[in-house]
Amino acid sequence: MFRGLLADADDVTGIALCSTVPSVLREMRTMLDRYYGDVTTVIVEPGTKTGVPVLTDNPKEVGADRIVNTIAAHHLYGGPCIVVDFGTSTNLDVVSAKGEFLGGALAPGIEISLDALASRAAQLRKVELVAPRSVIGKNTVEALQSGALYGFAGQVDGLVDRIIEEIGDVTAVIATGGLAPIVVPESQTITHHEPDLTLVGLRLVFEKNVD
């Protein structure tokens, strides 16, 4: 798959990788050893030089993606700032003015929540995540779309407001992740959308470890 994706690219000169799924990380290590063994590789894990102090109770339990997003957000926008990553879970990560990872909030992701609802409620089903005609849904599909779209936007806004109450004003609230384009237009607190935030962070970590 990767050879196909990179078929038209120049020769690969470096690889940066992070994953929070142990089974995927094992497979990726095997692939890199077998097919890209002569390429400089940086895997983001405990002990990798990132330049991000992790100020939590147990730094080793913080996902590599959150650290990578932190370094990218601080590089692009300074701090303090907040990263909102819309993925399997919805992560809100707080970055200090010095680029430290302060912690954050984790909530069930939008798709996981809809899947759970569809599997546990006989009369409800998974729906396309698009804006309904109005907040007041006139049918089951629209009601689900309203609850998911505006509900998750409101959840993010509420958490962002509470975080700002604790740390003061922020330079930016940055959204990333696959579902960010759906929620960003409905959020009142997100100020920037960076689809490639994690990739920017991976590049920065790679440069820190090979220079």
Protein backbone atom coordinates (compact mmCIF):
# COMPACT_ATOMS: atom_id res chain seq x y z
CA MET A 1 0.00 0.00 0.00
CA PHE A 2 2.73 2.46 0.94
CA ARG A 3 4.75 1.66 -2.18
CA GLY A 4 1.66 2.43 -4.21
CA LEU A 5 1.04 5.71 -2.41
CA LEU A 6 4.68 6.75 -2.83
CA ALA A 7 5.14 5.48 -6.39
CA ASP A 8 5.21 8.97 -7.92
CA ALA A 9 7.18 10.57 -5.09
CA ASP A 10 10.90 11.19 -4.96
CA ASP A 11 13.01 8.69 -3.06
CA VAL A 12 12.01 8.55 0.62
CA THR A 13 14.80 10.12 2.68
CA GLY A 14 13.20 10.05 6.12
CA ILE A 15 10.22 8.62 7.97
CA ALA A 16 8.43 9.90 11.07
CA LEU A 17 5.75 7.75 12.67
CA CYS A 18 3.38 7.79 15.61
CA SER A 19 0.47 5.55 16.52
CA THR A 20 -1.57 5.02 19.67
CA VAL A 21 -2.66 1.52 18.57
CA PRO A 22 -0.07 -1.06 19.71
CA SER A 23 -0.98 -3.63 17.03
CA VAL A 24 -0.66 -1.04 14.26
CA LEU A 25 2.66 0.17 15.67
CA ARG A 26 4.01 -3.41 15.63
CA GLU A 27 2.98 -3.88 12.01
CA MET A 28 4.50 -0.55 11.02
CA ARG A 29 7.80 -1.42 12.71
CA THR A 30 7.89 -4.71 10.79
CA MET A 31 7.14 -2.98 7.50
CA LEU A 32 9.77 -0.30 8.05
CA ASP A 33 12.43 -2.85 9.00
CA ARG A 34 11.64 -5.01 5.99
CA TYR A 35 11.12 -2.46 3.24
CA TYR A 36 12.65 0.81 4.46
CA GLY A 37 15.48 -0.47 6.61
CA ASP A 38 18.00 1.92 5.07
CA VAL A 39 15.86 5.03 5.62
CA THR A 40 16.31 7.25 8.69
CA THR A 41 13.24 6.63 10.87
CA VAL A 42 11.92 8.38 13.97
CA ILE A 43 9.11 6.70 15.93
CA VAL A 44 7.48 8.95 18.52
CA GLU A 45 7.35 7.07 21.82
CA PRO A 46 8.55 7.55 25.41
CA GLY A 47 12.18 8.58 25.24
CA THR A 48 11.97 10.25 21.83
CA LYS A 49 13.26 13.82 21.87
CA THR A 50 10.29 16.12 21.23
CA GLY A 51 11.12 19.25 23.18
CA VAL A 52 7.68 19.09 24.83
CA PRO A 53 7.64 18.90 28.64
CA VAL A 54 4.64 16.78 29.66
CA LEU A 55 3.24 18.21 32.89
CA THR A 56 0.80 15.44 33.80
CA ASP A 57 0.67 12.91 36.63
CA ASN A 58 1.91 10.10 34.36
CA PRO A 59 3.58 11.45 31.21
CA LYS A 60 4.02 7.95 29.72
CA GLU A 61 0.26 7.48 29.39
CA VAL A 62 -0.14 10.54 27.12
CA GLY A 63 -0.65 9.46 23.49
CA ALA A 64 2.09 10.25 21.01
CA ASP A 65 -0.43 12.00 18.77
CA ARG A 66 -1.22 14.51 21.51
CA ILE A 67 2.47 15.31 21.99
CA VAL A 68 2.99 15.70 18.24
CA ASN A 69 -0.02 18.00 17.98
CA THR A 70 1.32 20.06 20.88
CA ILE A 71 4.66 20.76 19.22
CA ALA A 72 2.94 21.65 15.93
CA ALA A 73 0.37 23.95 17.55
CA HIS A 74 3.01 25.86 19.52
CA HIS A 75 5.22 26.11 16.43
CA LEU A 76 2.38 27.57 14.35
CA TYR A 77 0.51 29.71 16.87
CA GLY A 78 2.57 30.09 20.02
CA GLY A 79 0.75 29.72 23.29
CA PRO A 80 -1.11 29.22 25.40
CA CYS A 81 -3.38 27.47 22.93
CA ILE A 82 -5.84 24.60 22.70
CA VAL A 83 -5.86 21.74 20.19
CA VAL A 84 -9.15 20.01 19.43
CA ASP A 85 -8.56 16.71 17.65
CA PHE A 86 -11.70 15.12 16.18
CA GLY A 87 -10.85 11.44 15.82
CA THR A 88 -11.86 8.17 17.46
CA SER A 89 -12.09 10.26 20.59
CA THR A 90 -12.44 14.04 20.74
CA ASN A 91 -9.27 15.29 22.42
CA LEU A 92 -8.80 18.77 23.82
CA ASP A 93 -5.12 19.36 24.57
CA VAL A 94 -3.86 22.43 26.40
CA VAL A 95 -0.48 23.92 25.47
CA SER A 96 1.26 26.48 27.67
CA ALA A 97 2.98 29.66 26.53
CA LYS A 98 6.28 27.76 26.83
CA GLY A 99 5.08 24.86 24.67
CA GLU A 100 4.41 22.51 27.58
CA PHE A 101 1.67 19.90 27.43
CA LEU A 102 -0.54 20.75 30.42
CA GLY A 103 -3.21 18.07 30.01
CA GLY A 104 -6.70 18.30 28.62
CA ALA A 105 -10.02 16.56 28.20
CA LEU A 106 -11.07 13.39 26.36
CA ALA A 107 -14.59 12.69 25.14
CA PRO A 108 -16.11 9.92 23.00
CA GLY A 109 -15.71 10.66 19.30
CA ILE A 110 -18.65 11.59 17.10
CA GLU A 111 -18.67 8.41 15.01
CA ILE A 112 -18.24 6.13 18.03
CA SER A 113 -21.14 7.87 19.76
CA LEU A 114 -23.41 7.48 16.73
CA ASP A 115 -22.41 3.83 16.31
CA ALA A 116 -23.21 3.13 19.96
CA LEU A 117 -26.56 4.87 19.66
CA ALA A 118 -27.50 2.94 16.52
CA SER A 119 -26.49 -0.40 18.07
CA ARG A 120 -28.35 0.13 21.35
CA ALA A 121 -31.56 1.85 20.19
CA ALA A 122 -33.73 -0.29 17.95
CA GLN A 123 -35.48 2.60 16.19
CA LEU A 124 -32.33 4.67 15.59
CA ARG A 125 -29.71 4.19 12.89
CA LYS A 126 -26.45 5.68 11.78
CA VAL A 127 -26.92 8.82 9.67
CA GLU A 128 -24.81 10.97 7.40
CA LEU A 129 -23.10 13.74 9.34
CA VAL A 130 -24.42 16.83 7.56
CA ALA A 131 -26.27 19.88 8.82
CA PRO A 132 -30.03 19.33 9.05
CA ARG A 133 -32.58 21.89 7.87
CA SER A 134 -32.88 23.25 11.40
CA VAL A 135 -31.85 22.47 14.95
CA ILE A 136 -35.39 21.20 15.56
CA GLY A 137 -35.35 17.98 13.54
CA LYS A 138 -38.62 17.15 11.77
CA ASN A 139 -37.75 13.47 11.41
CA THR A 140 -35.47 10.91 13.05
CA VAL A 141 -32.59 11.47 10.64
CA GLU A 142 -32.62 15.24 11.12
CA ALA A 143 -32.98 14.89 14.88
CA LEU A 144 -29.91 12.64 15.01
CA GLN A 145 -27.95 14.99 12.77
CA SER A 146 -28.88 17.96 14.94
CA GLY A 147 -27.93 16.18 18.15
CA ALA A 148 -24.60 15.00 16.75
CA LEU A 149 -23.50 18.13 14.93
CA TYR A 150 -24.70 20.88 17.26
CA GLY A 151 -24.32 18.74 20.35
CA PHE A 152 -20.64 18.03 19.75
CA ALA A 153 -19.97 21.62 18.70
CA GLY A 154 -21.58 22.76 21.95
CA GLN A 155 -19.57 20.22 23.92
CA VAL A 156 -16.32 21.55 22.47
CA ASP A 157 -17.32 25.16 23.05
CA GLY A 158 -18.26 24.43 26.64
CA LEU A 159 -14.96 22.69 27.36
CA VAL A 160 -12.94 25.42 25.65
CA ASP A 161 -14.72 28.09 27.72
CA ARG A 162 -13.97 26.21 30.94
CA ILE A 163 -10.32 25.73 29.99
CA ILE A 164 -9.97 29.46 29.26
CA GLU A 165 -11.52 30.20 32.66
CA GLU A 166 -8.65 28.21 34.20
CA ILE A 167 -5.66 29.37 32.14
CA GLY A 168 -6.73 32.75 30.76
CA ASP A 169 -6.90 33.91 27.15
CA VAL A 170 -5.34 31.74 24.44
CA THR A 171 -3.67 32.61 21.16
CA ALA A 172 -5.66 30.03 19.18
CA VAL A 173 -8.08 27.12 19.34
CA ILE A 174 -6.94 24.76 16.61
CA ALA A 175 -9.07 21.99 15.16
CA THR A 176 -7.67 18.93 13.41
CA GLY A 177 -8.71 15.34 12.71
CA GLY A 178 -10.92 13.70 10.13
CA LEU A 179 -14.25 15.03 11.43
CA ALA A 180 -13.07 18.58 12.08
CA PRO A 181 -14.51 20.03 8.81
CA ILE A 182 -18.00 18.99 9.93
CA VAL A 183 -17.89 20.63 13.35
CA VAL A 184 -15.68 23.69 12.78
CA PRO A 185 -18.37 25.76 10.98
CA GLU A 186 -20.75 25.23 13.90
CA SER A 187 -18.28 25.99 16.70
CA GLN A 188 -18.11 29.42 18.29
CA THR A 189 -14.69 28.96 19.87
CA ILE A 190 -12.50 27.22 17.25
CA THR A 191 -10.35 29.83 15.51
CA HIS A 192 -8.21 27.77 13.13
CA HIS A 193 -8.50 24.53 11.16
CA GLU A 194 -5.21 22.68 10.51
CA PRO A 195 -5.89 19.34 8.74
CA ASP A 196 -2.18 18.50 8.66
CA LEU A 197 -1.34 19.49 12.24
CA THR A 198 -0.11 16.01 13.19
CA LEU A 199 2.02 15.77 10.05
CA VAL A 200 3.59 19.15 10.82
CA GLY A 201 4.40 17.90 14.32
CA LEU A 202 5.91 14.68 12.97
CA ARG A 203 8.18 16.68 10.68
CA LEU A 204 9.30 18.87 13.59
CA VAL A 205 10.02 15.84 15.80
CA PHE A 206 11.95 14.19 12.96
CA GLU A 207 14.10 17.30 12.53
CA LYS A 208 14.82 17.43 16.27
CA ASN A 209 16.07 13.85 16.24
CA VAL A 210 18.18 13.78 13.08
CA ASP A 211 19.90 17.19 13.17
